[in-house]
């Protein structure tokens, strides 16, 4: 199962599969680190967790104005 541990809230398409699809948020800072964690049960019933850090960068809009 996937979950978000830190950062601006992202939107999960699903959280209970081996791979995950996430819609990342727009961030107000130049960049922001979002931390996600996945937990799985191994064959012996133990729970294993791993974390992934993703850096989201602020979207930059460039306007082309040929009249300038």
PDB file of N, CA and C in Angstrom:
ATOM      1  N   UNK A   1       0.843  -1.177   0.000  1.00  0.00           N
ATOM      2  CA  UNK A   1       0.000   0.000   0.000  1.00  0.00           C
ATOM      3  C   UNK A   1       0.889   1.241   0.000  1.00  0.00           C
ATOM      4  N   UNK A   2       0.539   2.194  -0.850  1.00  0.00           N
ATOM      5  CA  UNK A   2       1.277   3.448  -0.955  1.00  0.00           C
ATOM      6  C   UNK A   2       0.620   4.530  -0.103  1.00  0.00           C
ATOM      7  N   UNK A   3       1.460   5.447   0.425  1.00  0.00           N
ATOM      8  CA  UNK A   3       0.945   6.616   1.128  1.00  0.00           C
ATOM      9  C   UNK A   3       1.944   7.752   0.994  1.00  0.00           C
ATOM     10  N   UNK A   4       1.461   8.963   1.164  1.00  0.00           N
ATOM     11  CA  UNK A   4       2.347  10.119   1.119  1.00  0.00           C
ATOM     12  C   UNK A   4       2.754  10.459   2.536  1.00  0.00           C
ATOM     13  N   UNK A   5       4.059  10.661   2.735  1.00  0.00           N
ATOM     14  CA  UNK A   5       4.595  10.927   4.063  1.00  0.00           C
ATOM     15  C   UNK A   5       4.786  12.421   4.293  1.00  0.00           C
ATOM     16  N   UNK A   6       5.211  13.162   3.250  1.00  0.00           N
ATOM     17  CA  UNK A   6       5.443  14.595   3.434  1.00  0.00           C
ATOM     18  C   UNK A   6       5.276  15.344   2.121  1.00  0.00           C
ATOM     19  N   UNK A   7       5.126  16.662   2.256  1.00  0.00           N
ATOM     20  CA  UNK A   7       5.015  17.535   1.093  1.00  0.00           C
ATOM     21  C   UNK A   7       3.574  17.902   0.777  1.00  0.00           C
ATOM     22  N   UNK A   8       3.425  18.796  -0.195  1.00  0.00           N
ATOM     23  CA  UNK A   8       2.105  19.201  -0.656  1.00  0.00           C
ATOM     24  C   UNK A   8       1.356  17.974  -1.150  1.00  0.00           C
ATOM     25  N   UNK A   9       0.090  17.901  -0.828  1.00  0.00           N
ATOM     26  CA  UNK A   9      -0.695  16.691  -1.113  1.00  0.00           C
ATOM     27  C   UNK A   9      -0.748  16.369  -2.602  1.00  0.00           C
ATOM     28  N   UNK A  10      -0.419  15.118  -2.927  1.00  0.00           N
ATOM     29  CA  UNK A  10      -0.521  14.582  -4.283  1.00  0.00           C
ATOM     30  C   UNK A  10      -1.785  13.728  -4.362  1.00  0.00           C
ATOM     31  N   UNK A  11      -2.235  13.448  -5.575  1.00  0.00           N
ATOM     32  CA  UNK A  11      -3.454  12.657  -5.777  1.00  0.00           C
ATOM     33  C   UNK A  11      -3.085  11.281  -6.324  1.00  0.00           C
ATOM     34  N   UNK A  12      -3.426  10.229  -5.587  1.00  0.00           N
ATOM     35  CA  UNK A  12      -3.168   8.854  -6.018  1.00  0.00           C
ATOM     36  C   UNK A  12      -4.323   8.343  -6.866  1.00  0.00           C
ATOM     37  N   UNK A  13      -4.006   7.658  -7.981  1.00  0.00           N
ATOM     38  CA  UNK A  13      -5.037   6.970  -8.762  1.00  0.00           C
ATOM     39  C   UNK A  13      -5.464   5.716  -8.004  1.00  0.00           C
ATOM     40  N   UNK A  14      -4.498   5.038  -7.401  1.00  0.00           N
ATOM     41  CA  UNK A  14      -4.749   3.856  -6.577  1.00  0.00           C
ATOM     42  C   UNK A  14      -3.586   3.733  -5.603  1.00  0.00           C
ATOM     43  N   UNK A  15      -3.793   3.070  -4.488  1.00  0.00           N
ATOM     44  CA  UNK A  15      -2.720   2.939  -3.496  1.00  0.00           C
ATOM     45  C   UNK A  15      -2.392   1.495  -3.160  1.00  0.00           C
ATOM     46  N   UNK A  16      -3.121   0.553  -3.733  1.00  0.00           N
ATOM     47  CA  UNK A  16      -2.942  -0.843  -3.316  1.00  0.00           C
ATOM     48  C   UNK A  16      -2.409  -1.750  -4.420  1.00  0.00           C
ATOM     49  N   UNK A  17      -1.544  -1.205  -5.291  1.00  0.00           N
ATOM     50  CA  UNK A  17      -0.915  -1.989  -6.348  1.00  0.00           C
ATOM     51  C   UNK A  17       0.597  -1.835  -6.265  1.00  0.00           C
ATOM     52  N   UNK A  18       1.327  -2.721  -6.944  1.00  0.00           N
ATOM     53  CA  UNK A  18       2.794  -2.679  -6.912  1.00  0.00           C
ATOM     54  C   UNK A  18       3.334  -1.395  -7.535  1.00  0.00           C
ATOM     55  N   UNK A  19       2.714  -0.955  -8.626  1.00  0.00           N
ATOM     56  CA  UNK A  19       3.117   0.320  -9.221  1.00  0.00           C
ATOM     57  C   UNK A  19       2.074   1.358  -8.840  1.00  0.00           C
ATOM     58  N   UNK A  20       2.463   2.614  -8.930  1.00  0.00           N
ATOM     59  CA  UNK A  20       1.557   3.671  -8.486  1.00  0.00           C
ATOM     60  C   UNK A  20       1.506   4.783  -9.523  1.00  0.00           C
ATOM     61  N   UNK A  21       0.336   5.369  -9.673  1.00  0.00           N
ATOM     62  CA  UNK A  21       0.169   6.536 -10.541  1.00  0.00           C
ATOM     63  C   UNK A  21      -0.259   7.694  -9.650  1.00  0.00           C
ATOM     64  N   UNK A  22       0.532   8.774  -9.708  1.00  0.00           N
ATOM     65  CA  UNK A  22       0.296   9.918  -8.833  1.00  0.00           C
ATOM     66  C   UNK A  22       0.224  11.183  -9.676  1.00  0.00           C
ATOM     67  N   UNK A  23      -0.760  12.021  -9.398  1.00  0.00           N
ATOM     68  CA  UNK A  23      -0.814  13.351  -9.999  1.00  0.00           C
ATOM     69  C   UNK A  23      -0.146  14.291  -9.014  1.00  0.00           C
ATOM     70  N   UNK A  24       0.956  14.887  -9.454  1.00  0.00           N
ATOM     71  CA  UNK A  24       1.731  15.748  -8.567  1.00  0.00           C
ATOM     72  C   UNK A  24       1.112  17.137  -8.499  1.00  0.00           C
ATOM     73  N   UNK A  25       1.229  17.793  -7.344  1.00  0.00           N
ATOM     74  CA  UNK A  25       0.629  19.112  -7.178  1.00  0.00           C
ATOM     75  C   UNK A  25       1.489  20.212  -7.793  1.00  0.00           C
ATOM     76  N   UNK A  26       0.868  21.362  -8.045  1.00  0.00           N
ATOM     77  CA  UNK A  26       1.651  22.552  -8.376  1.00  0.00           C
ATOM     78  C   UNK A  26       2.222  23.043  -7.057  1.00  0.00           C
ATOM     79  N   UNK A  27       3.468  23.476  -7.077  1.00  0.00           N
ATOM     80  CA  UNK A  27       4.109  23.919  -5.840  1.00  0.00           C
ATOM     81  C   UNK A  27       4.350  25.417  -5.888  1.00  0.00           C
ATOM     82  N   UNK A  28       4.338  26.050  -4.716  1.00  0.00           N
ATOM     83  CA  UNK A  28       4.519  27.497  -4.646  1.00  0.00           C
ATOM     84  C   UNK A  28       5.991  27.886  -4.557  1.00  0.00           C
ATOM     85  N   UNK A  29       6.810  26.972  -4.112  1.00  0.00           N
ATOM     86  CA  UNK A  29       8.255  27.224  -4.050  1.00  0.00           C
ATOM     87  C   UNK A  29       8.893  26.842  -5.381  1.00  0.00           C
ATOM     88  N   UNK A  30      10.177  27.180  -5.551  1.00  0.00           N
ATOM     89  CA  UNK A  30      10.895  26.823  -6.778  1.00  0.00           C
ATOM     90  C   UNK A  30      10.894  25.314  -6.989  1.00  0.00           C
ATOM     91  N   UNK A  31      11.062  24.570  -5.903  1.00  0.00           N
ATOM     92  CA  UNK A  31      10.955  23.109  -5.942  1.00  0.00           C
ATOM     93  C   UNK A  31      10.573  22.622  -4.551  1.00  0.00           C
ATOM     94  N   UNK A  32      10.021  21.430  -4.504  1.00  0.00           N
ATOM     95  CA  UNK A  32       9.607  20.847  -3.229  1.00  0.00           C
ATOM     96  C   UNK A  32       9.803  19.339  -3.285  1.00  0.00           C
ATOM     97  N   UNK A  33      10.270  18.783  -2.184  1.00  0.00           N
ATOM     98  CA  UNK A  33      10.429  17.331  -2.090  1.00  0.00           C
ATOM     99  C   UNK A  33       9.154  16.720  -1.518  1.00  0.00           C
ATOM    100  N   UNK A  34       8.655  15.695  -2.205  1.00  0.00           N
ATOM    101  CA  UNK A  34       7.517  14.925  -1.717  1.00  0.00           C
ATOM    102  C   UNK A  34       8.025  13.527  -1.388  1.00  0.00           C
ATOM    103  N   UNK A  35       7.642  13.010  -0.247  1.00  0.00           N
ATOM    104  CA  UNK A  35       8.077  11.678   0.161  1.00  0.00           C
ATOM    105  C   UNK A  35       6.885  10.729   0.169  1.00  0.00           C
ATOM    106  N   UNK A  36       7.081   9.585  -0.487  1.00  0.00           N
ATOM    107  CA  UNK A  36       6.065   8.544  -0.554  1.00  0.00           C
ATOM    108  C   UNK A  36       6.632   7.277   0.067  1.00  0.00           C
ATOM    109  N   UNK A  37       5.762   6.454   0.609  1.00  0.00           N
ATOM    110  CA  UNK A  37       6.183   5.207   1.237  1.00  0.00           C
ATOM    111  C   UNK A  37       5.284   4.077   0.739  1.00  0.00           C
ATOM    112  N   UNK A  38       5.894   2.927   0.495  1.00  0.00           N
ATOM    113  CA  UNK A  38       5.127   1.737   0.121  1.00  0.00           C
ATOM    114  C   UNK A  38       5.401   0.660   1.167  1.00  0.00           C
ATOM    115  N   UNK A  39       4.343  -0.042   1.557  1.00  0.00           N
ATOM    116  CA  UNK A  39       4.460  -1.143   2.515  1.00  0.00           C
ATOM    117  C   UNK A  39       3.901  -2.403   1.868  1.00  0.00           C
ATOM    118  N   UNK A  40       4.669  -3.487   1.947  1.00  0.00           N
ATOM    119  CA  UNK A  40       4.230  -4.770   1.378  1.00  0.00           C
ATOM    120  C   UNK A  40       4.475  -5.885   2.394  1.00  0.00           C
ATOM    121  N   UNK A  41       3.695  -6.934   2.271  1.00  0.00           N
ATOM    122  CA  UNK A  41       3.900  -8.132   3.089  1.00  0.00           C
ATOM    123  C   UNK A  41       4.725  -9.118   2.280  1.00  0.00           C
ATOM    124  N   UNK A  42       5.801  -9.658   2.889  1.00  0.00           N
ATOM    125  CA  UNK A  42       6.588 -10.670   2.185  1.00  0.00           C
ATOM    126  C   UNK A  42       5.962 -12.054   2.403  1.00  0.00           C
ATOM    127  N   UNK A  43       6.596 -13.082   1.858  1.00  0.00           N
ATOM    128  CA  UNK A  43       6.056 -14.446   1.937  1.00  0.00           C
ATOM    129  C   UNK A  43       5.991 -14.993   3.361  1.00  0.00           C
ATOM    130  N   UNK A  44       6.777 -14.404   4.267  1.00  0.00           N
ATOM    131  CA  UNK A  44       6.771 -14.848   5.660  1.00  0.00           C
ATOM    132  C   UNK A  44       5.796 -14.043   6.515  1.00  0.00           C
ATOM    133  N   UNK A  45       5.079 -13.092   5.903  1.00  0.00           N
ATOM    134  CA  UNK A  45       4.114 -12.278   6.640  1.00  0.00           C
ATOM    135  C   UNK A  45       4.689 -11.009   7.235  1.00  0.00           C
ATOM    136  N   UNK A  46       5.983 -10.794   7.047  1.00  0.00           N
ATOM    137  CA  UNK A  46       6.603  -9.574   7.563  1.00  0.00           C
ATOM    138  C   UNK A  46       6.235  -8.389   6.665  1.00  0.00           C
ATOM    139  N   UNK A  47       6.118  -7.212   7.268  1.00  0.00           N
ATOM    140  CA  UNK A  47       5.824  -5.997   6.509  1.00  0.00           C
ATOM    141  C   UNK A  47       7.131  -5.271   6.224  1.00  0.00           C
ATOM    142  N   UNK A  48       7.349  -4.982   4.955  1.00  0.00           N
ATOM    143  CA  UNK A  48       8.551  -4.272   4.516  1.00  0.00           C
ATOM    144  C   UNK A  48       8.116  -2.916   3.973  1.00  0.00           C
ATOM    145  N   UNK A  49       8.803  -1.846   4.399  1.00  0.00           N
ATOM    146  CA  UNK A  49       8.477  -0.508   3.903  1.00  0.00           C
ATOM    147  C   UNK A  49       9.697   0.112   3.233  1.00  0.00           C
ATOM    148  N   UNK A  50       9.446   0.868   2.192  1.00  0.00           N
ATOM    149  CA  UNK A  50      10.488   1.614   1.485  1.00  0.00           C
ATOM    150  C   UNK A  50       9.946   3.002   1.184  1.00  0.00           C
ATOM    151  N   UNK A  51      10.840   3.989   1.196  1.00  0.00           N
ATOM    152  CA  UNK A  51      10.454   5.369   0.897  1.00  0.00           C
ATOM    153  C   UNK A  51      11.056   5.823  -0.418  1.00  0.00           C
ATOM    154  N   UNK A  52      10.337   6.712  -1.083  1.00  0.00           N
ATOM    155  CA  UNK A  52      10.786   7.307  -2.339  1.00  0.00           C
ATOM    156  C   UNK A  52      10.605   8.813  -2.217  1.00  0.00           C
ATOM    157  N   UNK A  53      11.642   9.569  -2.584  1.00  0.00           N
ATOM    158  CA  UNK A  53      11.559  11.029  -2.573  1.00  0.00           C
ATOM    159  C   UNK A  53      11.529  11.519  -4.013  1.00  0.00           C
ATOM    160  N   UNK A  54      10.561  12.374  -4.313  1.00  0.00           N
ATOM    161  CA  UNK A  54      10.410  12.960  -5.643  1.00  0.00           C
ATOM    162  C   UNK A  54      10.512  14.466  -5.507  1.00  0.00           C
ATOM    163  N   UNK A  55      11.252  15.108  -6.407  1.00  0.00           N
ATOM    164  CA  UNK A  55      11.353  16.564  -6.401  1.00  0.00           C
ATOM    165  C   UNK A  55      10.405  17.114  -7.458  1.00  0.00           C
ATOM    166  N   UNK A  56       9.483  17.967  -7.017  1.00  0.00           N
ATOM    167  CA  UNK A  56       8.538  18.623  -7.920  1.00  0.00           C
ATOM    168  C   UNK A  56       9.029  20.048  -8.118  1.00  0.00           C
ATOM    169  N   UNK A  57       9.193  20.443  -9.380  1.00  0.00           N
ATOM    170  CA  UNK A  57       9.660  21.797  -9.674  1.00  0.00           C
ATOM    171  C   UNK A  57       8.496  22.673 -10.099  1.00  0.00           C
ATOM    172  N   UNK A  58       8.618  23.940  -9.765  1.00  0.00           N
ATOM    173  CA  UNK A  58       7.586  24.910 -10.119  1.00  0.00           C
ATOM    174  C   UNK A  58       7.489  25.044 -11.630  1.00  0.00           C
ATOM    175  N   UNK A  59       6.266  25.098 -12.139  1.00  0.00           N
ATOM    176  CA  UNK A  59       6.046  25.256 -13.574  1.00  0.00           C
ATOM    177  C   UNK A  59       6.413  26.680 -13.978  1.00  0.00           C
ATOM    178  N   UNK A  60       7.184  26.795 -15.049  1.00  0.00           N
ATOM    179  CA  UNK A  60       7.582  28.105 -15.566  1.00  0.00           C
ATOM    180  C   UNK A  60       6.855  28.328 -16.879  1.00  0.00           C
ATOM    181  N   UNK A  61       6.143  29.440 -16.965  1.00  0.00           N
ATOM    182  CA  UNK A  61       5.411  29.776 -18.182  1.00  0.00           C
ATOM    183  C   UNK A  61       6.184  30.858 -18.915  1.00  0.00           C
ATOM    184  N   UNK A  62       6.503  30.580 -20.178  1.00  0.00           N
ATOM    185  CA  UNK A  62       7.218  31.553 -21.005  1.00  0.00           C
ATOM    186  C   UNK A  62       6.237  32.069 -22.045  1.00  0.00           C
ATOM    187  N   UNK A  63       6.075  33.380 -22.076  1.00  0.00           N
ATOM    188  CA  UNK A  63       5.173  33.981 -23.052  1.00  0.00           C
ATOM    189  C   UNK A  63       5.973  34.485 -24.236  1.00  0.00           C
ATOM    190  N   UNK A  64       5.545  34.097 -25.416  1.00  0.00           N
ATOM    191  CA  UNK A  64       6.155  34.600 -26.642  1.00  0.00           C
ATOM    192  C   UNK A  64       5.315  35.758 -27.144  1.00  0.00           C
ATOM    193  N   UNK A  65       5.911  36.918 -27.237  1.00  0.00           N
ATOM    194  CA  UNK A  65       5.208  38.088 -27.754  1.00  0.00           C
ATOM    195  C   UNK A  65       6.034  38.657 -28.893  1.00  0.00           C
ATOM    196  N   UNK A  66       5.706  38.272 -30.133  1.00  0.00           N
ATOM    197  CA  UNK A  66       6.503  38.737 -31.266  1.00  0.00           C
ATOM    198  C   UNK A  66       6.460  40.248 -31.459  1.00  0.00           C
ATOM    199  N   UNK A  67       5.523  40.932 -30.820  1.00  0.00           N
ATOM    200  CA  UNK A  67       5.421  42.382 -30.964  1.00  0.00           C
ATOM    201  C   UNK A  67       6.403  43.152 -30.105  1.00  0.00           C
ATOM    202  N   UNK A  68       7.129  42.491 -29.257  1.00  0.00           N
ATOM    203  CA  UNK A  68       8.083  43.193 -28.376  1.00  0.00           C
ATOM    204  C   UNK A  68       9.451  43.253 -28.983  1.00  0.00           C
TER     205      UNK A  68
END
